[in-house]
Amino acid sequence: MRVVQRGSRWRGSKDRGANLIEFAIVMPLLVLLILGIVEFSWILATNLDVNQGAREGARLTAVDTPAGNGALRTEICERMDLVGNDVATSITWLSDGSPAVGEGVSVTVASPVTTLTGLIDFFFTGFTTLQSTVEIRIEQPPTWTDQTLQCP
């Protein structure tokens, strides 16, 4: 019993501080990994929000509820939780000629990529905009016109 205690005491006194050094080496990598997971999740959620905004915008545009570009823009921006309040988020309506019932309309929502921490922004230098386009057939007589508007 004494031999085991002496051996463990002798080994512990020689390796004093090794755990601290190992932790100091591994901790920055662990923090970077966790922040990368958080940032990737945030960008994925923002992308889903842009897709949902385009789908909702196309649906509202097709049935012309509410009437006019300004009211449609307000409705679409309110339905996007993560990017709706961003001033750089744009909504574009584009129809074939003058919009009429039965014709197609394309609604595009674009929003810049934003990160939460800013620590890994250098990964997203070439990837700066999230964009989603939905095409739909007009079902009600439209009161909107082709235009690009920013979210308020």
Protein backbone atom coordinates (compact mmCIF):
# COMPACT_ATOMS: atom_id res chain seq x y z
CA MET A 1 0.00 0.00 0.00
CA ARG A 2 2.83 2.39 0.84
CA VAL A 3 4.61 1.63 -2.42
CA VAL A 4 1.56 2.60 -4.46
CA GLN A 5 1.16 5.84 -2.54
CA ARG A 6 4.80 6.74 -2.95
CA GLY A 7 4.68 5.92 -6.66
CA SER A 8 1.59 8.02 -7.28
CA ARG A 9 2.98 10.88 -5.15
CA TRP A 10 6.29 10.76 -6.98
CA ARG A 11 4.59 10.71 -10.40
CA GLY A 12 2.21 13.55 -9.46
CA SER A 13 4.97 15.84 -8.23
CA LYS A 14 6.99 15.38 -11.42
CA ASP A 15 4.04 16.11 -13.78
CA ARG A 16 2.75 19.10 -11.85
CA GLY A 17 1.45 21.71 -14.34
CA ALA A 18 1.23 19.35 -17.33
CA ASN A 19 -2.58 19.39 -17.17
CA LEU A 20 -2.59 23.16 -17.23
CA ILE A 21 -0.35 23.29 -20.29
CA GLU A 22 -2.43 20.68 -22.11
CA PHE A 23 -5.58 22.62 -21.29
CA ALA A 24 -4.00 25.85 -22.56
CA ILE A 25 -3.19 24.15 -25.87
CA VAL A 26 -6.59 22.48 -26.37
CA MET A 27 -8.89 25.24 -25.06
CA PRO A 28 -8.54 27.73 -27.99
CA LEU A 29 -9.26 24.95 -30.47
CA LEU A 30 -12.30 23.89 -28.47
CA VAL A 31 -13.61 27.46 -28.26
CA LEU A 32 -13.08 27.94 -32.02
CA LEU A 33 -14.97 24.70 -32.71
CA ILE A 34 -17.89 25.75 -30.50
CA LEU A 35 -18.05 29.24 -32.04
CA GLY A 36 -17.91 27.70 -35.52
CA ILE A 37 -20.89 25.47 -34.69
CA VAL A 38 -22.83 28.48 -33.36
CA GLU A 39 -22.00 30.62 -36.41
CA PHE A 40 -22.89 27.84 -38.86
CA SER A 41 -26.20 27.30 -37.05
CA TRP A 42 -26.95 31.03 -37.17
CA ILE A 43 -26.26 31.25 -40.92
CA LEU A 44 -28.34 28.14 -41.56
CA ALA A 45 -31.25 29.61 -39.58
CA THR A 46 -30.91 32.92 -41.44
CA ASN A 47 -30.96 31.08 -44.76
CA LEU A 48 -34.14 29.26 -43.74
CA ASP A 49 -35.64 32.62 -42.76
CA VAL A 50 -34.82 34.11 -46.19
CA ASN A 51 -36.37 31.06 -47.89
CA GLN A 52 -39.49 31.38 -45.74
CA GLY A 53 -39.72 35.10 -46.54
CA ALA A 54 -39.60 34.39 -50.28
CA ARG A 55 -42.28 31.69 -49.98
CA GLU A 56 -44.53 33.91 -47.88
CA GLY A 57 -43.92 36.83 -50.24
CA ALA A 58 -44.85 34.77 -53.28
CA ARG A 59 -48.02 33.51 -51.59
CA LEU A 60 -49.06 37.02 -50.54
CA THR A 61 -48.21 38.40 -53.98
CA ALA A 62 -50.21 35.72 -55.80
CA VAL A 63 -53.39 36.42 -53.86
CA ASP A 64 -52.68 40.19 -53.61
CA THR A 65 -53.11 40.33 -49.84
CA PRO A 66 -52.57 43.02 -48.66
CA ALA A 67 -52.78 45.39 -51.63
CA GLY A 68 -49.77 47.34 -52.92
CA ASN A 69 -46.00 46.95 -52.74
CA GLY A 70 -45.59 48.84 -49.45
CA ALA A 71 -48.10 46.69 -47.59
CA LEU A 72 -46.66 43.50 -49.11
CA ARG A 73 -43.15 44.56 -48.10
CA THR A 74 -44.28 45.22 -44.53
CA GLU A 75 -46.00 41.82 -44.30
CA ILE A 76 -43.02 39.94 -45.70
CA CYS A 77 -40.50 41.75 -43.47
CA GLU A 78 -42.61 41.09 -40.37
CA ARG A 79 -42.73 37.36 -41.14
CA MET A 80 -38.95 37.04 -41.29
CA ASP A 81 -37.78 36.86 -37.68
CA LEU A 82 -34.01 36.92 -38.14
CA VAL A 83 -33.49 39.19 -41.14
CA GLY A 84 -36.71 41.20 -41.34
CA ASN A 85 -35.37 44.23 -39.50
CA ASP A 86 -32.14 44.40 -41.45
CA VAL A 87 -32.07 47.50 -43.68
CA ALA A 88 -30.11 45.70 -46.39
CA THR A 89 -32.76 42.98 -46.88
CA SER A 90 -34.42 43.52 -50.27
CA ILE A 91 -37.59 42.14 -51.84
CA THR A 92 -38.00 42.14 -55.62
CA TRP A 93 -41.16 41.50 -57.61
CA LEU A 94 -40.64 40.67 -61.28
CA SER A 95 -43.46 39.64 -63.63
CA ASP A 96 -43.57 38.89 -67.33
CA GLY A 97 -44.79 42.24 -68.73
CA SER A 98 -47.67 43.80 -66.86
CA PRO A 99 -48.89 41.58 -64.02
CA ALA A 100 -52.20 39.88 -64.77
CA VAL A 101 -54.15 36.92 -63.43
CA GLY A 102 -52.69 33.63 -64.64
CA GLU A 103 -49.24 35.01 -65.39
CA GLY A 104 -46.17 34.23 -63.37
CA VAL A 105 -44.42 36.41 -60.86
CA SER A 106 -41.02 35.94 -59.27
CA VAL A 107 -40.38 37.12 -55.71
CA THR A 108 -36.76 37.36 -54.61
CA VAL A 109 -35.60 38.01 -51.06
CA ALA A 110 -31.91 38.80 -50.49
CA SER A 111 -30.16 39.50 -47.20
CA PRO A 112 -26.49 39.97 -46.31
CA VAL A 113 -24.70 37.32 -44.27
CA THR A 114 -24.20 38.44 -40.70
CA THR A 115 -22.35 36.57 -37.98
CA LEU A 116 -22.97 36.66 -34.27
CA THR A 117 -19.42 36.82 -32.95
CA GLY A 118 -17.44 38.23 -35.86
CA LEU A 119 -14.53 35.93 -35.05
CA ILE A 120 -14.84 33.84 -38.20
CA ASP A 121 -15.88 36.53 -40.71
CA PHE A 122 -12.80 35.80 -42.83
CA PHE A 123 -14.42 32.49 -43.87
CA PHE A 124 -17.37 34.36 -45.41
CA THR A 125 -15.54 36.93 -47.57
CA GLY A 126 -16.76 35.47 -50.90
CA PHE A 127 -20.16 34.45 -49.55
CA THR A 128 -21.88 37.70 -48.64
CA THR A 129 -25.56 37.36 -49.59
CA LEU A 130 -28.29 34.86 -48.85
CA GLN A 131 -30.89 34.85 -51.61
CA SER A 132 -34.05 32.93 -52.38
CA THR A 133 -36.33 33.23 -55.42
CA VAL A 134 -39.84 31.77 -55.67
CA GLU A 135 -41.97 31.82 -58.82
CA ILE A 136 -45.74 31.59 -58.54
CA ARG A 137 -48.85 32.14 -60.68
CA ILE A 138 -50.95 35.25 -59.95
CA GLU A 139 -54.42 34.26 -58.71
CA GLN A 140 -56.03 37.66 -57.98
CA PRO A 141 -55.89 40.93 -59.93
CA PRO A 142 -52.68 42.55 -58.66
CA THR A 143 -52.35 46.04 -57.21
CA TRP A 144 -48.56 45.76 -56.91
CA THR A 145 -45.99 46.59 -59.58
CA ASP A 146 -42.53 45.27 -60.42
CA GLN A 147 -40.19 46.87 -57.92
CA THR A 148 -37.36 46.28 -55.44
CA LEU A 149 -37.90 47.49 -51.87
CA GLN A 150 -35.83 47.33 -48.68
CA CYS A 151 -37.14 46.03 -45.38
CA PRO A 152 -37.78 48.89 -42.95
